[in-house]
């Protein structure tokens, strides 16, 4: 069956509005419990992590109730990065991992992401089966078989040791002054701790969560505060995470931001030179800049493009045997070390590059010149279908004609919000603006 409850990255929406209600979370928990506890035994486990949103308490309790009602035993990790949930799912031999987070979204949103027993995000097919169970009647466990819940207090320390193990043995970060912006999110404790333990001078930003300030003027989607802190303290580099710490932006010593494309370009070229890059390719989405593709081609490497969403990047990586991929938005996936995007891990690998090359951050974040890119989002009403309007189709066709041989055009609906995203790339900035604005105008009329 098709999916309507699940989007491109689990279930997501505004807290206390469908589908992100306590009642629905209980049903999702029960359905997931029935799906994974398919032999009726009581040895099945699930780990649950969350970020720092106020609504996380509600969803943690609701999911736990649903899961234990079907006989699943629940390990509660508390606030912890999304990649830690993937790692601990396998470490604790769990059948499923759940992360309660809406990633980079504002505090009033929340989401539920699933990981399979291998630590990778669930497939579309598995999510569709869980959704079908949500829509039906889930059989509860017998009274003697109700599951138990246990809090795991050292989850973040286990994750910290795993992340530190990716740094070459004996390497220290002494002499590096690092601004770490944790977006008042899931990594607010573990990220500064890891950097300090490795010897860096740490200047923390966004480490005082109060339940409603996650991603608020800080983190990977709002790096100005980190940039100002870099300048004020004369720092060498900044690492900006998002609310669940699965994505990252790197800031150089001047406060200039490098997105995921620049980080992936650096890692791909370094790994290729070391013989570490598998398949001679980097996997990224259709959103990655044309400049990245040209850079890779110049280095004798390929860019494998996928649909938007880190889960689709990972699926392609696993299919093709590739070990490096990610998104322009900052998801950096290194399957030699992790099963999903990991902002702290990627940030550490950037610091390793700084130490091994002796170069400043500004030199390492400018591997290629970006082709001018313009992205605009248009919000539409729930019952609207703007991309089906004849006027919108005509504007898109006209835009494609104007960009032929000069750039590219990408129109898509967001998988997490009611938005149409209009993106184009073109060497001529005037043509770029003309094409995007014309399509946006027609989408707004039809929305």
Protein backbone atom coordinates (compact mmCIF):
# COMPACT_ATOMS: atom_id res chain seq x y z
CA UNK A 1 0.00 0.00 0.00
CA UNK A 2 1.07 3.60 -0.40
CA UNK A 3 2.16 5.77 2.51
CA UNK A 4 0.28 8.83 3.75
CA UNK A 5 1.28 8.84 7.42
CA UNK A 6 4.99 8.49 6.73
CA UNK A 7 6.88 11.11 4.73
CA UNK A 8 10.43 11.14 3.40
CA UNK A 9 11.85 10.85 6.91
CA UNK A 10 9.36 9.12 9.18
CA UNK A 11 6.25 10.81 10.57
CA UNK A 12 6.42 14.56 11.06
CA UNK A 13 4.12 17.48 11.81
CA UNK A 14 3.06 20.09 14.31
CA UNK A 15 2.86 18.78 17.88
CA UNK A 16 -0.71 18.08 19.07
CA UNK A 17 -2.05 18.20 15.51
CA UNK A 18 -2.49 15.18 13.23
CA UNK A 19 -0.42 13.12 12.79
CA UNK A 20 1.77 14.22 15.69
CA UNK A 21 -0.67 13.61 18.54
CA UNK A 22 -0.16 11.51 21.66
CA UNK A 23 -2.95 9.19 20.55
CA UNK A 24 -1.36 8.64 17.15
CA UNK A 25 2.08 8.12 18.71
CA UNK A 26 0.60 5.41 20.93
CA UNK A 27 -0.93 3.73 17.87
CA UNK A 28 2.34 4.00 15.94
CA UNK A 29 4.20 2.49 18.89
CA UNK A 30 1.75 -0.39 19.13
CA UNK A 31 1.90 -0.98 15.36
CA UNK A 32 5.70 -0.95 15.36
CA UNK A 33 5.69 -3.31 18.34
CA UNK A 34 3.39 -5.75 16.56
CA UNK A 35 5.47 -5.50 13.36
CA UNK A 36 8.78 -6.29 15.07
CA UNK A 37 7.53 -8.67 17.79
CA UNK A 38 6.31 -11.06 15.14
CA UNK A 39 7.09 -14.32 16.94
CA UNK A 40 5.30 -13.55 20.20
CA UNK A 41 8.40 -13.84 22.38
CA UNK A 42 9.37 -11.33 25.04
CA UNK A 43 12.98 -10.90 24.01
CA UNK A 44 12.35 -8.05 21.61
CA UNK A 45 13.85 -4.63 22.24
CA UNK A 46 13.46 -1.06 21.03
CA UNK A 47 15.61 1.97 21.82
CA UNK A 48 14.08 5.45 21.91
CA UNK A 49 16.04 8.69 21.71
CA UNK A 50 14.81 12.26 21.43
CA UNK A 51 15.97 15.82 20.98
CA UNK A 52 15.17 18.66 23.37
CA UNK A 53 11.67 19.70 22.22
CA UNK A 54 9.07 20.14 24.94
CA UNK A 55 6.74 17.73 23.14
CA UNK A 56 9.39 15.02 23.29
CA UNK A 57 8.23 14.03 26.78
CA UNK A 58 4.71 13.42 25.52
CA UNK A 59 5.75 11.36 22.51
CA UNK A 60 8.34 9.39 24.48
CA UNK A 61 5.67 8.29 26.96
CA UNK A 62 3.05 7.59 24.29
CA UNK A 63 5.39 5.50 22.17
CA UNK A 64 6.56 3.60 25.25
CA UNK A 65 2.96 2.81 26.19
CA UNK A 66 2.16 1.55 22.70
CA UNK A 67 5.32 -0.52 22.40
CA UNK A 68 5.09 -2.14 25.83
CA UNK A 69 1.40 -2.90 25.26
CA UNK A 70 2.45 -5.25 22.48
CA UNK A 71 5.24 -6.87 24.50
CA UNK A 72 8.27 -4.85 23.38
CA UNK A 73 10.94 -3.98 25.95
CA UNK A 74 11.91 -0.31 25.72
CA UNK A 75 15.30 1.29 26.38
CA UNK A 76 14.98 5.06 26.89
CA UNK A 77 18.08 7.02 25.90
CA UNK A 78 16.88 10.57 26.61
CA UNK A 79 18.27 13.52 24.60
CA UNK A 80 20.78 12.07 22.15
CA UNK A 81 21.76 12.65 18.49
CA UNK A 82 19.92 10.75 15.76
CA UNK A 83 23.08 8.90 14.63
CA UNK A 84 23.52 7.67 18.21
CA UNK A 85 20.13 5.96 17.99
CA UNK A 86 21.24 4.15 14.84
CA UNK A 87 24.46 3.08 16.53
CA UNK A 88 22.85 2.00 19.81
CA UNK A 89 20.13 0.04 18.02
CA UNK A 90 22.79 -2.38 16.84
CA UNK A 91 24.94 -2.12 19.97
CA UNK A 92 22.03 -3.02 22.25
CA UNK A 93 20.87 -5.75 19.84
CA UNK A 94 17.50 -4.06 19.47
CA UNK A 95 14.94 -4.91 16.82
CA UNK A 96 14.14 -1.27 16.14
CA UNK A 97 15.35 2.21 17.04
CA UNK A 98 13.15 5.30 17.26
CA UNK A 99 14.24 8.94 17.23
CA UNK A 100 11.75 11.59 18.32
CA UNK A 101 12.76 14.72 16.44
CA UNK A 102 11.78 17.12 13.69
CA UNK A 103 15.44 17.75 12.90
CA UNK A 104 15.97 21.38 11.82
CA UNK A 105 12.30 22.40 12.15
CA UNK A 106 11.03 24.82 14.85
CA UNK A 107 10.18 23.56 18.33
CA UNK A 108 6.45 23.33 17.65
CA UNK A 109 7.05 20.52 15.14
CA UNK A 110 8.12 17.01 16.01
CA UNK A 111 8.65 13.69 14.28
CA UNK A 112 9.18 9.97 14.69
CA UNK A 113 11.99 8.27 12.76
CA UNK A 114 12.58 4.51 12.65
CA UNK A 115 15.79 2.51 12.38
CA UNK A 116 15.93 -1.21 11.66
CA UNK A 117 18.04 -3.73 13.61
CA UNK A 118 20.99 -3.03 11.28
CA UNK A 119 20.99 0.64 12.33
CA UNK A 120 19.78 1.90 8.95
CA UNK A 121 16.49 3.73 8.44
CA UNK A 122 13.52 1.56 7.60
CA UNK A 123 12.58 0.96 3.99
CA UNK A 124 9.45 2.40 2.40
CA UNK A 125 7.98 -1.11 2.35
CA UNK A 126 8.47 -1.62 6.11
CA UNK A 127 6.97 1.80 6.87
CA UNK A 128 3.98 0.99 4.65
CA UNK A 129 3.38 -2.22 6.63
CA UNK A 130 3.54 -0.34 9.94
CA UNK A 131 1.13 2.25 8.55
CA UNK A 132 -1.28 -0.51 7.56
CA UNK A 133 -1.16 -1.82 11.14
CA UNK A 134 -1.86 1.68 12.48
CA UNK A 135 -5.02 1.79 10.37
CA UNK A 136 -6.23 -1.56 11.74
CA UNK A 137 -6.69 -3.11 15.16
CA UNK A 138 -3.39 -4.05 16.80
CA UNK A 139 -3.63 -7.06 19.08
CA UNK A 140 -2.33 -6.29 22.55
CA UNK A 141 -0.06 -8.66 24.44
CA UNK A 142 -1.41 -10.87 27.20
CA UNK A 143 -1.09 -9.37 30.68
CA UNK A 144 1.90 -11.57 31.52
CA UNK A 145 3.69 -10.53 28.32
CA UNK A 146 3.50 -6.74 28.58
CA UNK A 147 6.92 -5.21 27.93
CA UNK A 148 9.19 -3.37 30.35
CA UNK A 149 10.82 0.06 30.07
CA UNK A 150 14.31 0.90 31.28
CA UNK A 151 16.30 4.12 31.12
CA UNK A 152 19.83 3.85 29.71
CA UNK A 153 21.87 6.58 31.37
CA UNK A 154 25.16 6.19 29.54
CA UNK A 155 23.95 6.24 25.93
CA UNK A 156 25.65 9.51 25.07
CA UNK A 157 28.95 8.31 26.53
CA UNK A 158 28.82 5.15 24.39
CA UNK A 159 28.17 7.34 21.36
CA UNK A 160 30.97 9.74 22.31
CA UNK A 161 33.50 6.91 22.42
CA UNK A 162 32.33 5.61 19.06
CA UNK A 163 32.69 9.04 17.43
CA UNK A 164 36.11 9.65 18.97
CA UNK A 165 37.29 6.28 17.65
CA UNK A 166 37.04 7.67 14.08
CA UNK A 167 39.88 10.10 14.79
CA UNK A 168 43.33 8.60 14.03
CA UNK A 169 44.88 6.97 17.11
CA UNK A 170 46.91 9.40 19.18
CA UNK A 171 45.74 12.48 17.28
CA UNK A 172 44.83 15.43 19.47
CA UNK A 173 43.07 18.68 18.66
CA UNK A 174 45.44 20.77 20.76
CA UNK A 175 45.85 24.29 19.40
CA UNK A 176 42.49 24.35 17.62
CA UNK A 177 39.95 26.85 18.89
CA UNK A 178 36.56 25.48 17.87
CA UNK A 179 33.12 27.09 18.05
CA UNK A 180 30.51 24.35 18.37
CA UNK A 181 26.87 25.36 17.84
CA UNK A 182 24.52 22.63 19.05
CA UNK A 183 21.27 24.41 18.09
CA UNK A 184 19.99 23.94 21.67
CA UNK A 185 19.33 20.41 20.47
CA UNK A 186 20.21 16.78 21.00
CA UNK A 187 24.01 17.22 20.97
CA UNK A 188 24.13 20.05 23.49
CA UNK A 189 26.11 17.94 25.96
CA UNK A 190 27.93 15.35 23.91
CA UNK A 191 29.43 17.52 21.15
CA UNK A 192 31.33 19.95 23.42
CA UNK A 193 32.43 17.03 25.59
CA UNK A 194 33.90 15.13 22.63
CA UNK A 195 35.82 18.13 21.34
CA UNK A 196 37.18 18.97 24.81
CA UNK A 197 38.23 15.37 25.46
CA UNK A 198 40.19 15.40 22.20
CA UNK A 199 42.06 18.51 23.31
CA UNK A 200 40.36 21.38 21.47
CA UNK A 201 39.64 24.74 23.02
CA UNK A 202 35.86 24.70 22.92
CA UNK A 203 33.56 27.71 22.63
CA UNK A 204 29.98 26.42 22.90
CA UNK A 205 26.91 28.06 21.37
CA UNK A 206 23.32 26.83 21.57
CA UNK A 207 23.85 24.58 24.59
CA UNK A 208 21.06 25.82 26.86
CA UNK A 209 17.88 24.10 25.69
CA UNK A 210 14.61 25.05 27.36
CA UNK A 211 12.20 22.99 25.26
CA UNK A 212 11.25 25.78 22.85
CA UNK A 213 14.54 27.30 21.68
CA UNK A 214 15.78 24.41 19.54
CA UNK A 215 17.01 25.72 16.15
CA UNK A 216 15.92 29.21 17.22
CA UNK A 217 18.50 31.62 15.81
CA UNK A 218 21.22 29.01 16.06
CA UNK A 219 22.44 25.77 14.51
CA UNK A 220 23.07 24.75 10.92
CA UNK A 221 20.07 26.66 9.55
CA UNK A 222 20.96 29.90 11.38
CA UNK A 223 24.76 30.11 11.58
CA UNK A 224 25.05 33.88 12.14
CA UNK A 225 25.46 33.53 15.91
CA UNK A 226 28.28 31.02 15.44
CA UNK A 227 29.93 33.25 12.83
CA UNK A 228 29.86 36.22 15.19
CA UNK A 229 31.32 34.04 17.95
CA UNK A 230 34.15 32.92 15.68
CA UNK A 231 35.11 36.52 14.97
CA UNK A 232 34.75 37.61 18.60
CA UNK A 233 36.97 34.81 19.91
CA UNK A 234 39.39 34.52 17.00
CA UNK A 235 38.43 30.87 16.55
CA UNK A 236 39.90 28.64 13.87
CA UNK A 237 36.69 26.97 12.78
CA UNK A 238 33.01 26.58 13.58
CA UNK A 239 30.87 23.44 13.58
CA UNK A 240 27.11 24.08 13.37
CA UNK A 241 24.78 21.15 14.03
CA UNK A 242 21.01 20.99 13.66
CA UNK A 243 18.45 20.00 16.29
CA UNK A 244 19.09 16.25 16.12
CA UNK A 245 22.75 16.59 15.07
CA UNK A 246 22.53 14.54 11.89
CA UNK A 247 23.60 17.46 9.70
CA UNK A 248 26.38 20.04 9.85
CA UNK A 249 27.65 23.27 8.36
CA UNK A 250 31.32 24.21 8.67
CA UNK A 251 32.34 27.85 9.20
CA UNK A 252 35.88 29.00 8.44
CA UNK A 253 37.96 31.44 10.50
CA UNK A 254 36.25 34.40 8.82
CA UNK A 255 32.76 33.14 9.62
CA UNK A 256 32.05 32.09 6.03
CA UNK A 257 29.71 29.10 5.76
CA UNK A 258 30.53 25.94 3.83
CA UNK A 259 27.56 23.71 3.04
CA UNK A 260 27.41 19.96 2.62
CA UNK A 261 28.57 20.11 -1.00
CA UNK A 262 31.90 21.69 -0.05
CA UNK A 263 32.39 19.25 2.84
CA UNK A 264 31.66 16.27 0.58
CA UNK A 265 34.03 17.61 -2.10
CA UNK A 266 36.84 17.79 0.44
CA UNK A 267 36.17 14.33 1.84
CA UNK A 268 35.76 12.72 -1.58
CA UNK A 269 39.07 14.10 -2.87
CA UNK A 270 40.93 13.12 0.32
CA UNK A 271 39.44 9.64 0.42
CA UNK A 272 40.13 9.08 -3.27
CA UNK A 273 43.78 10.10 -2.80
CA UNK A 274 44.08 7.68 0.13
CA UNK A 275 42.37 4.83 -1.74
CA UNK A 276 39.52 4.93 0.77
CA UNK A 277 36.70 6.05 -1.57
CA UNK A 278 34.73 3.01 -2.68
CA UNK A 279 33.33 2.83 -6.20
CA UNK A 280 35.05 6.00 -7.35
CA UNK A 281 31.89 7.98 -6.65
CA UNK A 282 30.12 10.28 -4.24
CA UNK A 283 26.37 9.87 -3.72
CA UNK A 284 24.36 13.09 -3.36
CA UNK A 285 20.89 14.35 -4.19
CA UNK A 286 19.48 16.32 -7.09
CA UNK A 287 19.91 19.45 -4.94
CA UNK A 288 23.71 19.33 -4.95
CA UNK A 289 25.38 22.11 -6.91
CA UNK A 290 26.51 21.62 -10.49
CA UNK A 291 29.90 22.90 -9.38
CA UNK A 292 30.33 19.82 -7.19
CA UNK A 293 29.61 17.55 -10.14
CA UNK A 294 32.16 19.36 -12.31
CA UNK A 295 34.76 19.22 -9.52
CA UNK A 296 34.35 15.47 -9.16
CA UNK A 297 34.54 14.92 -12.91
CA UNK A 298 37.79 16.90 -12.98
CA UNK A 299 39.17 14.54 -10.32
CA UNK A 300 38.13 11.46 -12.28
CA UNK A 301 35.24 10.72 -9.91
CA UNK A 302 31.48 10.42 -10.40
CA UNK A 303 28.48 12.03 -8.75
CA UNK A 304 25.60 9.62 -8.25
CA UNK A 305 22.41 11.64 -7.77
CA UNK A 306 19.31 10.49 -5.85
CA UNK A 307 15.97 11.90 -4.78
CA UNK A 308 16.05 14.38 -1.90
CA UNK A 309 16.37 12.75 1.51
CA UNK A 310 19.34 11.20 3.27
CA UNK A 311 17.57 7.84 3.40
CA UNK A 312 17.62 7.70 -0.42
CA UNK A 313 21.30 8.62 -0.41
CA UNK A 314 22.01 5.76 1.98
CA UNK A 315 19.91 3.31 -0.04
CA UNK A 316 21.93 4.12 -3.18
CA UNK A 317 25.18 3.85 -1.25
CA UNK A 318 24.24 0.39 -0.03
CA UNK A 319 23.05 -0.72 -3.46
CA UNK A 320 26.22 0.43 -5.22
CA UNK A 321 28.76 -0.32 -2.52
CA UNK A 322 29.67 3.35 -2.02
CA UNK A 323 30.88 4.65 1.34
CA UNK A 324 30.54 8.44 1.08
CA UNK A 325 27.43 10.47 0.39
CA UNK A 326 25.20 13.20 1.68
CA UNK A 327 23.17 16.30 1.00
CA UNK A 328 23.87 19.94 0.34
CA UNK A 329 21.87 20.65 3.51
CA UNK A 330 24.60 19.07 5.60
CA UNK A 331 23.80 15.40 5.96
CA UNK A 332 27.19 13.72 5.53
CA UNK A 333 27.02 9.93 5.46
CA UNK A 334 30.17 7.90 5.99
CA UNK A 335 29.09 4.27 6.13
CA UNK A 336 32.56 3.14 7.21
CA UNK A 337 31.68 4.75 10.53
CA UNK A 338 27.90 5.31 10.78
CA UNK A 339 24.58 4.23 9.32
CA UNK A 340 23.13 7.70 8.84
CA UNK A 341 24.16 11.33 8.59
CA UNK A 342 26.27 12.39 11.57
CA UNK A 343 27.09 16.09 12.00
CA UNK A 344 29.56 15.65 14.84
CA UNK A 345 31.39 12.85 13.04
CA UNK A 346 31.67 14.94 9.86
CA UNK A 347 32.87 17.91 11.89
CA UNK A 348 35.58 15.79 13.50
CA UNK A 349 36.73 14.51 10.12
CA UNK A 350 37.05 18.12 8.96
CA UNK A 351 39.22 18.91 11.98
CA UNK A 352 41.35 15.86 11.16
CA UNK A 353 41.85 17.31 7.65
CA UNK A 354 42.92 20.64 9.14
CA UNK A 355 45.52 18.95 11.33
CA UNK A 356 46.84 16.58 8.68
CA UNK A 357 47.15 19.25 5.96
CA UNK A 358 48.11 22.16 8.18
CA UNK A 359 45.69 24.32 6.19
CA UNK A 360 43.17 26.82 7.49
CA UNK A 361 39.47 26.10 7.32
CA UNK A 362 39.05 28.72 4.60
CA UNK A 363 41.37 26.78 2.29
CA UNK A 364 39.61 23.46 2.90
CA UNK A 365 36.07 24.75 2.38
CA UNK A 366 36.58 26.11 -1.12
CA UNK A 367 37.22 23.07 -3.24
CA UNK A 368 35.12 24.40 -6.11
CA UNK A 369 33.29 27.50 -7.28
CA UNK A 370 29.56 27.06 -6.99
CA UNK A 371 27.33 27.62 -9.98
CA UNK A 372 24.82 30.34 -9.02
CA UNK A 373 21.83 28.59 -7.47
CA UNK A 374 18.49 30.02 -6.40
CA UNK A 375 15.93 28.21 -4.28
CA UNK A 376 12.52 29.58 -3.33
CA UNK A 377 9.76 27.86 -1.37
CA UNK A 378 6.05 28.40 -1.92
CA UNK A 379 3.58 27.28 0.76
CA UNK A 380 0.29 25.86 -0.48
CA UNK A 381 -3.03 24.98 1.15
CA UNK A 382 -3.76 21.39 2.11
CA UNK A 383 -6.28 20.83 -0.69
CA UNK A 384 -4.27 22.53 -3.45
CA UNK A 385 -2.35 20.75 -6.21
CA UNK A 386 -0.33 23.61 -7.71
CA UNK A 387 2.02 21.45 -9.78
CA UNK A 388 -0.94 20.11 -11.75
CA UNK A 389 -2.05 23.56 -12.92
CA UNK A 390 -1.62 24.18 -16.65
CA UNK A 391 -0.14 27.63 -16.00
CA UNK A 392 2.51 26.18 -13.70
CA UNK A 393 3.39 23.45 -16.18
CA UNK A 394 3.74 26.06 -18.92
CA UNK A 395 6.03 28.21 -16.75
CA UNK A 396 8.20 25.19 -15.96
CA UNK A 397 8.46 24.26 -19.65
CA UNK A 398 9.43 27.84 -20.49
CA UNK A 399 12.05 27.83 -17.74
CA UNK A 400 13.55 24.56 -18.96
CA UNK A 401 13.79 26.03 -22.44
CA UNK A 402 15.63 29.14 -21.21
CA UNK A 403 18.07 27.04 -19.14
CA UNK A 404 18.80 24.50 -21.86
CA UNK A 405 22.57 24.12 -22.11
CA UNK A 406 23.12 26.78 -19.43
CA UNK A 407 21.97 25.14 -16.22
CA UNK A 408 19.24 23.02 -14.71
CA UNK A 409 15.83 23.32 -13.09
CA UNK A 410 14.36 21.28 -10.25
CA UNK A 411 10.75 21.54 -9.03
CA UNK A 412 9.57 19.33 -6.20
CA UNK A 413 7.17 19.13 -3.28
CA UNK A 414 8.70 18.95 0.18
CA UNK A 415 8.37 15.61 1.90
CA UNK A 416 7.95 17.18 5.35
CA UNK A 417 6.01 20.43 4.82
CA UNK A 418 3.29 21.74 2.43
CA UNK A 419 5.84 23.52 0.27
CA UNK A 420 6.75 23.54 -3.40
CA UNK A 421 10.49 24.04 -3.79
CA UNK A 422 11.63 25.82 -6.95
CA UNK A 423 15.37 25.53 -7.56
CA UNK A 424 17.47 26.47 -10.56
CA UNK A 425 21.15 26.79 -11.41
CA UNK A 426 22.57 28.95 -14.17
CA UNK A 427 25.83 30.74 -14.93
CA UNK A 428 23.82 33.82 -15.88
CA UNK A 429 22.30 35.21 -12.63
CA UNK A 430 19.78 37.36 -14.50
CA UNK A 431 18.34 34.36 -16.33
CA UNK A 432 18.37 32.44 -13.05
CA UNK A 433 16.23 35.00 -11.25
CA UNK A 434 13.90 35.41 -14.23
CA UNK A 435 13.19 31.68 -14.48
CA UNK A 436 12.67 31.06 -10.77
CA UNK A 437 10.51 34.13 -10.19
CA UNK A 438 8.27 33.31 -13.14
CA UNK A 439 7.60 29.78 -11.86
CA UNK A 440 7.14 30.95 -8.27
CA UNK A 441 4.55 33.51 -9.38
CA UNK A 442 2.49 30.86 -11.14
CA UNK A 443 2.76 28.41 -8.22
CA UNK A 444 1.62 31.12 -5.80
CA UNK A 445 -1.41 31.80 -7.97
CA UNK A 446 -2.30 28.11 -8.06
CA UNK A 447 -1.56 27.50 -4.36
